[in-house]
Amino acid sequence: MKCPSCQTENQNSSRFCIDCGASLAVAPPLDDGIRRSPSAAVNKRYAQDKSPGVAAVLSFLIVGLGQVYNGDVLKGVVLFVGFLVLSFTVIGAIGVWGFGIYDAYQVAKGNKSIWK
């Protein structure tokens, strides 16, 4: 069973996702006949109809800007401050910068949930 929040594959008997801890309880079908979990509706508030490419490019230009574009301002600010703090170490700054690009792309694509 795939987690509706982070798309991690879990055992069919699991009640919670092994990666993000989201509930795997199956919700009753909605009007369109698609079964969704309760947490799936919560995650759709963010990064809905966002372009993964635009999110990645924005994070490439300014660390955390892709997260702000996706609707997660807190994560964007944390990444930007982390980049500034770690800027005295090249490896730390590149790590935060690279993570920001990857995360913005994955969240906009819908493969990763946003911090709650």
PDB file of N, CA and C in Angstrom:
ATOM      1  N   MET A   1       0.848  -1.170   0.000  1.00  0.00           N
ATOM      2  CA  MET A   1       0.000   0.000   0.000  1.00  0.00           C
ATOM      3  C   MET A   1       0.899   1.241   0.000  1.00  0.00           C
ATOM      4  N   LYS A   2       0.624   2.166  -0.908  1.00  0.00           N
ATOM      5  CA  LYS A   2       1.397   3.399  -0.986  1.00  0.00           C
ATOM      6  C   LYS A   2       0.835   4.432  -0.030  1.00  0.00           C
ATOM      7  N   CYS A   3       1.748   5.135   0.626  1.00  0.00           N
ATOM      8  CA  CYS A   3       1.350   6.217   1.525  1.00  0.00           C
ATOM      9  C   CYS A   3       0.829   7.383   0.680  1.00  0.00           C
ATOM     10  N   PRO A   4      -0.324   7.934   1.017  1.00  0.00           N
ATOM     11  CA  PRO A   4      -0.863   9.058   0.240  1.00  0.00           C
ATOM     12  C   PRO A   4      -0.068  10.350   0.437  1.00  0.00           C
ATOM     13  N   SER A   5       0.712  10.421   1.515  1.00  0.00           N
ATOM     14  CA  SER A   5       1.464  11.643   1.787  1.00  0.00           C
ATOM     15  C   SER A   5       2.818  11.668   1.104  1.00  0.00           C
ATOM     16  N   CYS A   6       3.574  10.546   1.237  1.00  0.00           N
ATOM     17  CA  CYS A   6       4.954  10.560   0.734  1.00  0.00           C
ATOM     18  C   CYS A   6       5.220   9.515  -0.342  1.00  0.00           C
ATOM     19  N   GLN A   7       4.220   8.740  -0.705  1.00  0.00           N
ATOM     20  CA  GLN A   7       4.305   7.732  -1.767  1.00  0.00           C
ATOM     21  C   GLN A   7       5.242   6.574  -1.433  1.00  0.00           C
ATOM     22  N   THR A   8       5.576   6.375  -0.149  1.00  0.00           N
ATOM     23  CA  THR A   8       6.414   5.256   0.260  1.00  0.00           C
ATOM     24  C   THR A   8       5.587   3.981   0.255  1.00  0.00           C
ATOM     25  N   GLU A   9       6.158   2.904  -0.239  1.00  0.00           N
ATOM     26  CA  GLU A   9       5.465   1.613  -0.267  1.00  0.00           C
ATOM     27  C   GLU A   9       5.495   1.008   1.134  1.00  0.00           C
ATOM     28  N   ASN A  10       4.333   0.614   1.660  1.00  0.00           N
ATOM     29  CA  ASN A  10       4.198   0.017   2.985  1.00  0.00           C
ATOM     30  C   ASN A  10       3.529  -1.342   2.852  1.00  0.00           C
ATOM     31  N   GLN A  11       3.620  -2.146   3.915  1.00  0.00           N
ATOM     32  CA  GLN A  11       2.916  -3.425   3.921  1.00  0.00           C
ATOM     33  C   GLN A  11       1.413  -3.166   3.969  1.00  0.00           C
ATOM     34  N   ASN A  12       0.625  -4.061   3.376  1.00  0.00           N
ATOM     35  CA  ASN A  12      -0.826  -3.877   3.344  1.00  0.00           C
ATOM     36  C   ASN A  12      -1.444  -3.870   4.737  1.00  0.00           C
ATOM     37  N   SER A  13      -0.798  -4.517   5.709  1.00  0.00           N
ATOM     38  CA  SER A  13      -1.342  -4.568   7.065  1.00  0.00           C
ATOM     39  C   SER A  13      -0.955  -3.349   7.906  1.00  0.00           C
ATOM     40  N   SER A  14      -0.122  -2.461   7.378  1.00  0.00           N
ATOM     41  CA  SER A  14       0.335  -1.291   8.134  1.00  0.00           C
ATOM     42  C   SER A  14      -0.793  -0.295   8.338  1.00  0.00           C
ATOM     43  N   ARG A  15      -0.806   0.310   9.521  1.00  0.00           N
ATOM     44  CA  ARG A  15      -1.780   1.362   9.807  1.00  0.00           C
ATOM     45  C   ARG A  15      -1.186   2.748   9.627  1.00  0.00           C
ATOM     46  N   PHE A  16       0.165   2.828   9.726  1.00  0.00           N
ATOM     47  CA  PHE A  16       0.860   4.100   9.574  1.00  0.00           C
ATOM     48  C   PHE A  16       2.045   3.921   8.640  1.00  0.00           C
ATOM     49  N   CYS A  17       2.426   4.983   7.942  1.00  0.00           N
ATOM     50  CA  CYS A  17       3.546   4.943   7.004  1.00  0.00           C
ATOM     51  C   CYS A  17       4.858   4.780   7.768  1.00  0.00           C
ATOM     52  N   ILE A  18       5.737   3.909   7.242  1.00  0.00           N
ATOM     53  CA  ILE A  18       7.022   3.677   7.886  1.00  0.00           C
ATOM     54  C   ILE A  18       7.979   4.850   7.681  1.00  0.00           C
ATOM     55  N   ASP A  19       7.717   5.718   6.698  1.00  0.00           N
ATOM     56  CA  ASP A  19       8.611   6.837   6.414  1.00  0.00           C
ATOM     57  C   ASP A  19       8.162   8.128   7.095  1.00  0.00           C
ATOM     58  N   CYS A  20       6.891   8.529   6.867  1.00  0.00           N
ATOM     59  CA  CYS A  20       6.446   9.828   7.384  1.00  0.00           C
ATOM     60  C   CYS A  20       5.479   9.708   8.557  1.00  0.00           C
ATOM     61  N   GLY A  21       4.972   8.502   8.842  1.00  0.00           N
ATOM     62  CA  GLY A  21       4.080   8.301   9.976  1.00  0.00           C
ATOM     63  C   GLY A  21       2.628   8.658   9.720  1.00  0.00           C
ATOM     64  N   ALA A  22       2.271   8.991   8.474  1.00  0.00           N
ATOM     65  CA  ALA A  22       0.886   9.344   8.158  1.00  0.00           C
ATOM     66  C   ALA A  22      -0.009   8.119   8.290  1.00  0.00           C
ATOM     67  N   SER A  23      -1.260   8.368   8.609  1.00  0.00           N
ATOM     68  CA  SER A  23      -2.225   7.282   8.733  1.00  0.00           C
ATOM     69  C   SER A  23      -2.508   6.678   7.359  1.00  0.00           C
ATOM     70  N   LEU A  24      -2.574   5.358   7.318  1.00  0.00           N
ATOM     71  CA  LEU A  24      -2.877   4.668   6.067  1.00  0.00           C
ATOM     72  C   LEU A  24      -4.317   4.180   6.030  1.00  0.00           C
ATOM     73  N   ALA A  25      -5.140   4.690   6.939  1.00  0.00           N
ATOM     74  CA  ALA A  25      -6.548   4.302   6.968  1.00  0.00           C
ATOM     75  C   ALA A  25      -7.219   4.735   5.677  1.00  0.00           C
ATOM     76  N   VAL A  26      -8.021   3.867   5.119  1.00  0.00           N
ATOM     77  CA  VAL A  26      -8.688   4.159   3.857  1.00  0.00           C
ATOM     78  C   VAL A  26      -9.986   4.892   4.141  1.00  0.00           C
ATOM     79  N   ALA A  27     -10.160   6.011   3.484  1.00  0.00           N
ATOM     80  CA  ALA A  27     -11.364   6.815   3.651  1.00  0.00           C
ATOM     81  C   ALA A  27     -12.449   6.312   2.714  1.00  0.00           C
ATOM     82  N   PRO A  28     -13.704   6.583   3.023  1.00  0.00           N
ATOM     83  CA  PRO A  28     -14.772   6.191   2.109  1.00  0.00           C
ATOM     84  C   PRO A  28     -14.651   6.958   0.801  1.00  0.00           C
ATOM     85  N   PRO A  29     -15.145   6.394  -0.303  1.00  0.00           N
ATOM     86  CA  PRO A  29     -15.014   7.069  -1.587  1.00  0.00           C
ATOM     87  C   PRO A  29     -15.759   8.399  -1.612  1.00  0.00           C
ATOM     88  N   LEU A  30     -15.171   9.366  -2.307  1.00  0.00           N
ATOM     89  CA  LEU A  30     -15.816  10.657  -2.489  1.00  0.00           C
ATOM     90  C   LEU A  30     -16.717  10.594  -3.720  1.00  0.00           C
ATOM     91  N   ASP A  31     -17.247  11.718  -4.132  1.00  0.00           N
ATOM     92  CA  ASP A  31     -18.172  11.751  -5.260  1.00  0.00           C
ATOM     93  C   ASP A  31     -17.572  11.199  -6.540  1.00  0.00           C
ATOM     94  N   ASP A  32     -16.263  11.365  -6.734  1.00  0.00           N
ATOM     95  CA  ASP A  32     -15.642  10.914  -7.973  1.00  0.00           C
ATOM     96  C   ASP A  32     -15.273   9.438  -7.940  1.00  0.00           C
ATOM     97  N   GLY A  33     -15.532   8.745  -6.817  1.00  0.00           N
ATOM     98  CA  GLY A  33     -15.273   7.315  -6.726  1.00  0.00           C
ATOM     99  C   GLY A  33     -13.844   6.957  -6.359  1.00  0.00           C
ATOM    100  N   ILE A  34     -12.973   7.942  -6.160  1.00  0.00           N
ATOM    101  CA  ILE A  34     -11.582   7.681  -5.807  1.00  0.00           C
ATOM    102  C   ILE A  34     -11.483   7.620  -4.291  1.00  0.00           C
ATOM    103  N   ARG A  35     -10.830   6.569  -3.771  1.00  0.00           N
ATOM    104  CA  ARG A  35     -10.660   6.427  -2.324  1.00  0.00           C
ATOM    105  C   ARG A  35      -9.396   7.175  -1.912  1.00  0.00           C
ATOM    106  N   ARG A  36      -9.523   8.003  -0.894  1.00  0.00           N
ATOM    107  CA  ARG A  36      -8.390   8.790  -0.411  1.00  0.00           C
ATOM    108  C   ARG A  36      -8.286   8.637   1.096  1.00  0.00           C
ATOM    109  N   SER A  37      -7.087   8.831   1.607  1.00  0.00           N
ATOM    110  CA  SER A  37      -6.917   8.834   3.062  1.00  0.00           C
ATOM    111  C   SER A  37      -7.175  10.245   3.572  1.00  0.00           C
ATOM    112  N   PRO A  38      -7.476  10.390   4.856  1.00  0.00           N
ATOM    113  CA  PRO A  38      -7.733  11.730   5.398  1.00  0.00           C
ATOM    114  C   PRO A  38      -6.554  12.674   5.245  1.00  0.00           C
ATOM    115  N   SER A  39      -5.316  12.181   5.323  1.00  0.00           N
ATOM    116  CA  SER A  39      -4.156  13.064   5.233  1.00  0.00           C
ATOM    117  C   SER A  39      -3.893  13.532   3.811  1.00  0.00           C
ATOM    118  N   ALA A  40      -4.427  12.849   2.798  1.00  0.00           N
ATOM    119  CA  ALA A  40      -4.189  13.247   1.411  1.00  0.00           C
ATOM    120  C   ALA A  40      -4.807  14.614   1.125  1.00  0.00           C
ATOM    121  N   ALA A  41      -5.964  14.879   1.701  1.00  0.00           N
ATOM    122  CA  ALA A  41      -6.624  16.163   1.475  1.00  0.00           C
ATOM    123  C   ALA A  41      -5.833  17.298   2.109  1.00  0.00           C
ATOM    124  N   VAL A  42      -5.194  17.043   3.229  1.00  0.00           N
ATOM    125  CA  VAL A  42      -4.418  18.073   3.911  1.00  0.00           C
ATOM    126  C   VAL A  42      -3.224  18.481   3.063  1.00  0.00           C
ATOM    127  N   ASN A  43      -2.523  17.522   2.466  1.00  0.00           N
ATOM    128  CA  ASN A  43      -1.324  17.828   1.689  1.00  0.00           C
ATOM    129  C   ASN A  43      -1.637  18.545   0.381  1.00  0.00           C
ATOM    130  N   LYS A  44      -2.828  18.453  -0.130  1.00  0.00           N
ATOM    131  CA  LYS A  44      -3.172  19.091  -1.394  1.00  0.00           C
ATOM    132  C   LYS A  44      -3.269  20.603  -1.275  1.00  0.00           C
ATOM    133  N   ARG A  45      -3.294  21.141  -0.051  1.00  0.00           N
ATOM    134  CA  ARG A  45      -3.324  22.598   0.091  1.00  0.00           C
ATOM    135  C   ARG A  45      -2.056  23.225  -0.438  1.00  0.00           C
ATOM    136  N   TYR A  46      -0.943  22.495  -0.337  1.00  0.00           N
ATOM    137  CA  TYR A  46       0.353  23.019  -0.713  1.00  0.00           C
ATOM    138  C   TYR A  46       0.778  22.461  -2.063  1.00  0.00           C
ATOM    139  N   ALA A  47       1.485  23.222  -2.807  1.00  0.00           N
ATOM    140  CA  ALA A  47       2.127  22.805  -4.050  1.00  0.00           C
ATOM    141  C   ALA A  47       1.141  22.257  -5.062  1.00  0.00           C
ATOM    142  N   GLN A  48      -0.113  22.582  -4.931  1.00  0.00           N
ATOM    143  CA  GLN A  48      -1.096  22.125  -5.909  1.00  0.00           C
ATOM    144  C   GLN A  48      -0.958  22.967  -7.177  1.00  0.00           C
ATOM    145  N   ASP A  49      -0.843  22.291  -8.300  1.00  0.00           N
ATOM    146  CA  ASP A  49      -0.680  22.937  -9.608  1.00  0.00           C
ATOM    147  C   ASP A  49       0.597  23.772  -9.690  1.00  0.00           C
ATOM    148  N   LYS A  50       1.631  23.353  -8.985  1.00  0.00           N
ATOM    149  CA  LYS A  50       2.924  24.027  -9.047  1.00  0.00           C
ATOM    150  C   LYS A  50       3.844  23.264  -9.978  1.00  0.00           C
ATOM    151  N   SER A  51       4.667  23.974 -10.707  1.00  0.00           N
ATOM    152  CA  SER A  51       5.602  23.362 -11.644  1.00  0.00           C
ATOM    153  C   SER A  51       6.871  22.923 -10.923  1.00  0.00           C
ATOM    154  N   PRO A  52       7.224  21.628 -11.001  1.00  0.00           N
ATOM    155  CA  PRO A  52       8.463  21.168 -10.369  1.00  0.00           C
ATOM    156  C   PRO A  52       9.697  21.880 -10.917  1.00  0.00           C
ATOM    157  N   GLY A  53       9.715  22.160 -12.213  1.00  0.00           N
ATOM    158  CA  GLY A  53      10.855  22.839 -12.824  1.00  0.00           C
ATOM    159  C   GLY A  53      11.030  24.252 -12.297  1.00  0.00           C
ATOM    160  N   VAL A  54       9.931  24.983 -12.183  1.00  0.00           N
ATOM    161  CA  VAL A  54       9.996  26.348 -11.657  1.00  0.00           C
ATOM    162  C   VAL A  54      10.458  26.323 -10.201  1.00  0.00           C
ATOM    163  N   ALA A  55       9.940  25.383  -9.417  1.00  0.00           N
ATOM    164  CA  ALA A  55      10.341  25.283  -8.010  1.00  0.00           C
ATOM    165  C   ALA A  55      11.838  25.006  -7.891  1.00  0.00           C
ATOM    166  N   ALA A  56      12.355  24.108  -8.720  1.00  0.00           N
ATOM    167  CA  ALA A  56      13.781  23.779  -8.671  1.00  0.00           C
ATOM    168  C   ALA A  56      14.645  24.973  -9.092  1.00  0.00           C
ATOM    169  N   VAL A  57      14.241  25.665 -10.141  1.00  0.00           N
ATOM    170  CA  VAL A  57      15.018  26.820 -10.614  1.00  0.00           C
ATOM    171  C   VAL A  57      15.013  27.938  -9.572  1.00  0.00           C
ATOM    172  N   LEU A  58      13.870  28.175  -8.943  1.00  0.00           N
ATOM    173  CA  LEU A  58      13.808  29.207  -7.907  1.00  0.00           C
ATOM    174  C   LEU A  58      14.726  28.865  -6.741  1.00  0.00           C
ATOM    175  N   SER A  59      14.763  27.581  -6.349  1.00  0.00           N
ATOM    176  CA  SER A  59      15.666  27.170  -5.279  1.00  0.00           C
ATOM    177  C   SER A  59      17.117  27.215  -5.716  1.00  0.00           C
ATOM    178  N   PHE A  60      17.364  27.026  -6.998  1.00  0.00           N
ATOM    179  CA  PHE A  60      18.723  27.145  -7.526  1.00  0.00           C
ATOM    180  C   PHE A  60      19.209  28.589  -7.414  1.00  0.00           C
ATOM    181  N   LEU A  61      18.318  29.530  -7.717  1.00  0.00           N
ATOM    182  CA  LEU A  61      18.693  30.943  -7.690  1.00  0.00           C
ATOM    183  C   LEU A  61      18.857  31.477  -6.270  1.00  0.00           C
ATOM    184  N   ILE A  62      17.879  31.183  -5.414  1.00  0.00           N
ATOM    185  CA  ILE A  62      17.915  31.639  -4.023  1.00  0.00           C
ATOM    186  C   ILE A  62      17.457  30.479  -3.155  1.00  0.00           C
ATOM    187  N   VAL A  63      18.296  30.082  -2.223  1.00  0.00           N
ATOM    188  CA  VAL A  63      17.981  28.940  -1.354  1.00  0.00           C
ATOM    189  C   VAL A  63      16.679  29.205  -0.604  1.00  0.00           C
ATOM    190  N   GLY A  64      15.732  28.273  -0.701  1.00  0.00           N
ATOM    191  CA  GLY A  64      14.459  28.371   0.001  1.00  0.00           C
ATOM    192  C   GLY A  64      13.347  29.010  -0.799  1.00  0.00           C
ATOM    193  N   LEU A  65      13.659  29.647  -1.921  1.00  0.00           N
ATOM    194  CA  LEU A  65      12.622  30.315  -2.702  1.00  0.00           C
ATOM    195  C   LEU A  65      11.670  29.307  -3.349  1.00  0.00           C
ATOM    196  N   GLY A  66      12.165  28.145  -3.718  1.00  0.00           N
ATOM    197  CA  GLY A  66      11.292  27.105  -4.276  1.00  0.00           C
ATOM    198  C   GLY A  66      10.290  26.613  -3.249  1.00  0.00           C
ATOM    199  N   GLN A  67      10.695  26.539  -1.987  1.00  0.00           N
ATOM    200  CA  GLN A  67       9.777  26.126  -0.933  1.00  0.00           C
ATOM    201  C   GLN A  67       8.698  27.187  -0.722  1.00  0.00           C
ATOM    202  N   VAL A  68       9.083  28.452  -0.780  1.00  0.00           N
ATOM    203  CA  VAL A  68       8.104  29.532  -0.662  1.00  0.00           C
ATOM    204  C   VAL A  68       7.118  29.457  -1.828  1.00  0.00           C
ATOM    205  N   TYR A  69       7.606  29.210  -3.024  1.00  0.00           N
ATOM    206  CA  TYR A  69       6.755  29.042  -4.203  1.00  0.00           C
ATOM    207  C   TYR A  69       5.766  27.896  -4.002  1.00  0.00           C
ATOM    208  N   ASN A  70       6.211  26.818  -3.363  1.00  0.00           N
ATOM    209  CA  ASN A  70       5.343  25.663  -3.114  1.00  0.00           C
ATOM    210  C   ASN A  70       4.346  25.907  -1.990  1.00  0.00           C
ATOM    211  N   GLY A  71       4.501  26.991  -1.251  1.00  0.00           N
ATOM    212  CA  GLY A  71       3.566  27.318  -0.184  1.00  0.00           C
ATOM    213  C   GLY A  71       4.063  26.989   1.200  1.00  0.00           C
ATOM    214  N   ASP A  72       5.310  26.561   1.339  1.00  0.00           N
ATOM    215  CA  ASP A  72       5.863  26.233   2.647  1.00  0.00           C
ATOM    216  C   ASP A  72       6.916  27.270   3.027  1.00  0.00           C
ATOM    217  N   VAL A  73       6.447  28.405   3.524  1.00  0.00           N
ATOM    218  CA  VAL A  73       7.316  29.533   3.838  1.00  0.00           C
ATOM    219  C   VAL A  73       8.280  29.181   4.973  1.00  0.00           C
ATOM    220  N   LEU A  74       7.795  28.463   5.979  1.00  0.00           N
ATOM    221  CA  LEU A  74       8.650  28.115   7.124  1.00  0.00           C
ATOM    222  C   LEU A  74       9.864  27.307   6.675  1.00  0.00           C
ATOM    223  N   LYS A  75       9.651  26.308   5.834  1.00  0.00           N
ATOM    224  CA  LYS A  75      10.781  25.502   5.369  1.00  0.00           C
ATOM    225  C   LYS A  75      11.733  26.352   4.540  1.00  0.00           C
ATOM    226  N   GLY A  76      11.201  27.253   3.728  1.00  0.00           N
ATOM    227  CA  GLY A  76      12.048  28.135   2.932  1.00  0.00           C
ATOM    228  C   GLY A  76      12.921  29.030   3.792  1.00  0.00           C
ATOM    229  N   VAL A  77      12.343  29.580   4.849  1.00  0.00           N
ATOM    230  CA  VAL A  77      13.105  30.448   5.754  1.00  0.00           C
ATOM    231  C   VAL A  77      14.167  29.631   6.489  1.00  0.00           C
ATOM    232  N   VAL A  78      13.804  28.430   6.951  1.00  0.00           N
ATOM    233  CA  VAL A  78      14.771  27.580   7.656  1.00  0.00           C
ATOM    234  C   VAL A  78      15.940  27.229   6.738  1.00  0.00           C
ATOM    235  N   LEU A  79      15.660  26.890   5.497  1.00  0.00           N
ATOM    236  CA  LEU A  79      16.729  26.562   4.554  1.00  0.00           C
ATOM    237  C   LEU A  79      17.610  27.782   4.274  1.00  0.00           C
ATOM    238  N   PHE A  80      16.999  28.942   4.115  1.00  0.00           N
ATOM    239  CA  PHE A  80      17.773  30.145   3.834  1.00  0.00           C
ATOM    240  C   PHE A  80      18.683  30.500   5.013  1.00  0.00           C
ATOM    241  N   VAL A  81      18.141  30.449   6.223  1.00  0.00           N
ATOM    242  CA  VAL A  81      18.944  30.746   7.410  1.00  0.00           C
ATOM    243  C   VAL A  81      20.034  29.690   7.587  1.00  0.00           C
ATOM    244  N   GLY A  82      19.683  28.429   7.355  1.00  0.00           N
ATOM    245  CA  GLY A  82      20.680  27.365   7.436  1.00  0.00           C
ATOM    246  C   GLY A  82      21.805  27.562   6.442  1.00  0.00           C
ATOM    247  N   PHE A  83      21.454  28.004   5.249  1.00  0.00           N
ATOM    248  CA  PHE A  83      22.466  28.288   4.230  1.00  0.00           C
ATOM    249  C   PHE A  83      23.389  29.420   4.691  1.00  0.00           C
ATOM    250  N   LEU A  84      22.803  30.477   5.254  1.00  0.00           N
ATOM    251  CA  LEU A  84      23.619  31.599   5.731  1.00  0.00           C
ATOM    252  C   LEU A  84      24.533  31.174   6.871  1.00  0.00           C
ATOM    253  N   VAL A  85      24.006  30.384   7.799  1.00  0.00           N
ATOM    254  CA  VAL A  85      24.798  29.937   8.940  1.00  0.00           C
ATOM    255  C   VAL A  85      25.934  29.031   8.484  1.00  0.00           C
ATOM    256  N   LEU A  86      25.654  28.144   7.537  1.00  0.00           N
ATOM    257  CA  LEU A  86      26.658  27.193   7.070  1.00  0.00           C
ATOM    258  C   LEU A  86      27.488  27.714   5.896  1.00  0.00           C
ATOM    259  N   SER A  87      27.304  28.972   5.531  1.00  0.00           N
ATOM    260  CA  SER A  87      28.021  29.499   4.369  1.00  0.00           C
ATOM    261  C   SER A  87      29.527  29.572   4.578  1.00  0.00           C
ATOM    262  N   PHE A  88      29.967  29.542   5.835  1.00  0.00           N
ATOM    263  CA  PHE A  88      31.417  29.552   6.072  1.00  0.00           C
ATOM    264  C   PHE A  88      32.050  28.200   5.750  1.00  0.00           C
ATOM    265  N   THR A  89      31.248  27.171   5.624  1.00  0.00           N
ATOM    266  CA  THR A  89      31.761  25.863   5.186  1.00  0.00           C
ATOM    267  C   THR A  89      31.173  25.573   3.817  1.00  0.00           C
ATOM    268  N   VAL A  90      32.015  25.366   2.865  1.00  0.00           N
ATOM    269  CA  VAL A  90      31.557  25.157   1.492  1.00  0.00           C
ATOM    270  C   VAL A  90      30.668  23.927   1.397  1.00  0.00           C
ATOM    271  N   ILE A  91      31.061  22.846   2.046  1.00  0.00           N
ATOM    272  CA  ILE A  91      30.298  21.600   1.967  1.00  0.00           C
ATOM    273  C   ILE A  91      28.917  21.768   2.591  1.00  0.00           C
ATOM    274  N   GLY A  92      28.827  22.455   3.738  1.00  0.00           N
ATOM    275  CA  GLY A  92      27.542  22.682   4.392  1.00  0.00           C
ATOM    276  C   GLY A  92      26.612  23.519   3.539  1.00  0.00           C
ATOM    277  N   ALA A  93      27.156  24.587   2.955  1.00  0.00           N
ATOM    278  CA  ALA A  93      26.339  25.466   2.124  1.00  0.00           C
ATOM    279  C   ALA A  93      25.858  24.750   0.870  1.00  0.00           C
ATOM    280  N   ILE A  94      26.737  23.982   0.244  1.00  0.00           N
ATOM    281  CA  ILE A  94      26.344  23.238  -0.958  1.00  0.00           C
ATOM    282  C   ILE A  94      25.316  22.174  -0.606  1.00  0.00           C
ATOM    283  N   GLY A  95      25.455  21.552   0.553  1.00  0.00           N
ATOM    284  CA  GLY A  95      24.491  20.539   0.984  1.00  0.00           C
ATOM    285  C   GLY A  95      23.103  21.116   1.182  1.00  0.00           C
ATOM    286  N   VAL A  96      23.010  22.245   1.864  1.00  0.00           N
ATOM    287  CA  VAL A  96      21.709  22.885   2.086  1.00  0.00           C
ATOM    288  C   VAL A  96      21.128  23.354   0.756  1.00  0.00           C
ATOM    289  N   TRP A  97      21.950  23.919  -0.087  1.00  0.00           N
ATOM    290  CA  TRP A  97      21.509  24.404  -1.397  1.00  0.00           C
ATOM    291  C   TRP A  97      20.987  23.244  -2.244  1.00  0.00           C
ATOM    292  N   GLY A  98      21.742  22.165  -2.300  1.00  0.00           N
ATOM    293  CA  GLY A  98      21.319  20.992  -3.076  1.00  0.00           C
ATOM    294  C   GLY A  98      20.046  20.370  -2.538  1.00  0.00           C
ATOM    295  N   PHE A  99      19.947  20.266  -1.204  1.00  0.00           N
ATOM    296  CA  PHE A  99      18.728  19.726  -0.608  1.00  0.00           C
ATOM    297  C   PHE A  99      17.533  20.605  -0.946  1.00  0.00           C
ATOM    298  N   GLY A 100      17.716  21.919  -0.914  1.00  0.00           N
ATOM    299  CA  GLY A 100      16.619  22.836  -1.231  1.00  0.00           C
ATOM    300  C   GLY A 100      16.105  22.643  -2.643  1.00  0.00           C
ATOM    301  N   ILE A 101      17.006  22.465  -3.593  1.00  0.00           N
ATOM    302  CA  ILE A 101      16.609  22.247  -4.987  1.00  0.00           C
ATOM    303  C   ILE A 101      15.844  20.931  -5.108  1.00  0.00           C
ATOM    304  N   TYR A 102      16.411  19.855  -4.541  1.00  0.00           N
ATOM    305  CA  TYR A 102      15.787  18.537  -4.606  1.00  0.00           C
ATOM    306  C   TYR A 102      14.416  18.545  -3.929  1.00  0.00           C
ATOM    307  N   ASP A 103      14.336  19.123  -2.739  1.00  0.00           N
ATOM    308  CA  ASP A 103      13.087  19.130  -1.982  1.00  0.00           C
ATOM    309  C   ASP A 103      12.004  19.935  -2.701  1.00  0.00           C
ATOM    310  N   ALA A 104      12.353  21.101  -3.218  1.00  0.00           N
ATOM    311  CA  ALA A 104      11.362  21.921  -3.922  1.00  0.00           C
ATOM    312  C   ALA A 104      10.802  21.180  -5.125  1.00  0.00           C
ATOM    313  N   TYR A 105      11.673  20.493  -5.859  1.00  0.00           N
ATOM    314  CA  TYR A 105      11.237  19.730  -7.028  1.00  0.00           C
ATOM    315  C   TYR A 105      10.307  18.581  -6.617  1.00  0.00           C
ATOM    316  N   GLN A 106      10.706  17.819  -5.597  1.00  0.00           N
ATOM    317  CA  GLN A 106       9.924  16.652  -5.175  1.00  0.00           C
ATOM    318  C   GLN A 106       8.568  17.059  -4.590  1.00  0.00           C
ATOM    319  N   VAL A 107       8.519  18.130  -3.831  1.00  0.00           N
ATOM    320  CA  VAL A 107       7.254  18.576  -3.246  1.00  0.00           C
ATOM    321  C   VAL A 107       6.310  19.060  -4.347  1.00  0.00           C
ATOM    322  N   ALA A 108       6.824  19.841  -5.303  1.00  0.00           N
ATOM    323  CA  ALA A 108       5.979  20.329  -6.390  1.00  0.00           C
ATOM    324  C   ALA A 108       5.486  19.173  -7.256  1.00  0.00           C
ATOM    325  N   LYS A 109       6.306  18.147  -7.385  1.00  0.00           N
ATOM    326  CA  LYS A 109       5.926  16.975  -8.179  1.00  0.00           C
ATOM    327  C   LYS A 109       4.918  16.103  -7.437  1.00  0.00           C
ATOM    328  N   GLY A 110       4.832  16.272  -6.126  1.00  0.00           N
ATOM    329  CA  GLY A 110       3.891  15.499  -5.324  1.00  0.00           C
ATOM    330  C   GLY A 110       4.475  14.234  -4.738  1.00  0.00           C
ATOM    331  N   ASN A 111       5.792  14.061  -4.796  1.00  0.00           N
ATOM    332  CA  ASN A 111       6.427  12.846  -4.278  1.00  0.00           C
ATOM    333  C   ASN A 111       6.843  12.971  -2.826  1.00  0.00           C
ATOM    334  N   LYS A 112       6.725  14.142  -2.254  1.00  0.00           N
ATOM    335  CA  LYS A 112       7.211  14.354  -0.895  1.00  0.00           C
ATOM    336  C   LYS A 112       6.259  15.300  -0.188  1.00  0.00           C
ATOM    337  N   SER A 113       6.014  15.062   1.078  1.00  0.00           N
ATOM    338  CA  SER A 113       5.118  15.948   1.818  1.00  0.00           C
ATOM    339  C   SER A 113       5.872  17.155   2.350  1.00  0.00           C
ATOM    340  N   ILE A 114       5.116  18.163   2.673  1.00  0.00           N
ATOM    341  CA  ILE A 114       5.659  19.378   3.232  1.00  0.00           C
ATOM    342  C   ILE A 114       5.688  19.250   4.741  1.00  0.00           C
ATOM    343  N   TRP A 115       6.654  19.903   5.386  1.00  0.00           N
ATOM    344  CA  TRP A 115       6.719  19.878   6.850  1.00  0.00           C
ATOM    345  C   TRP A 115       5.394  20.321   7.415  1.00  0.00           C
ATOM    346  N   LYS A 116       5.018  19.723   8.512  1.00  0.00           N
ATOM    347  CA  LYS A 116       3.744  20.116   9.146  1.00  0.00           C
ATOM    348  C   LYS A 116       3.994  20.914  10.375  1.00  0.00           C
TER     349      LYS A 116
END
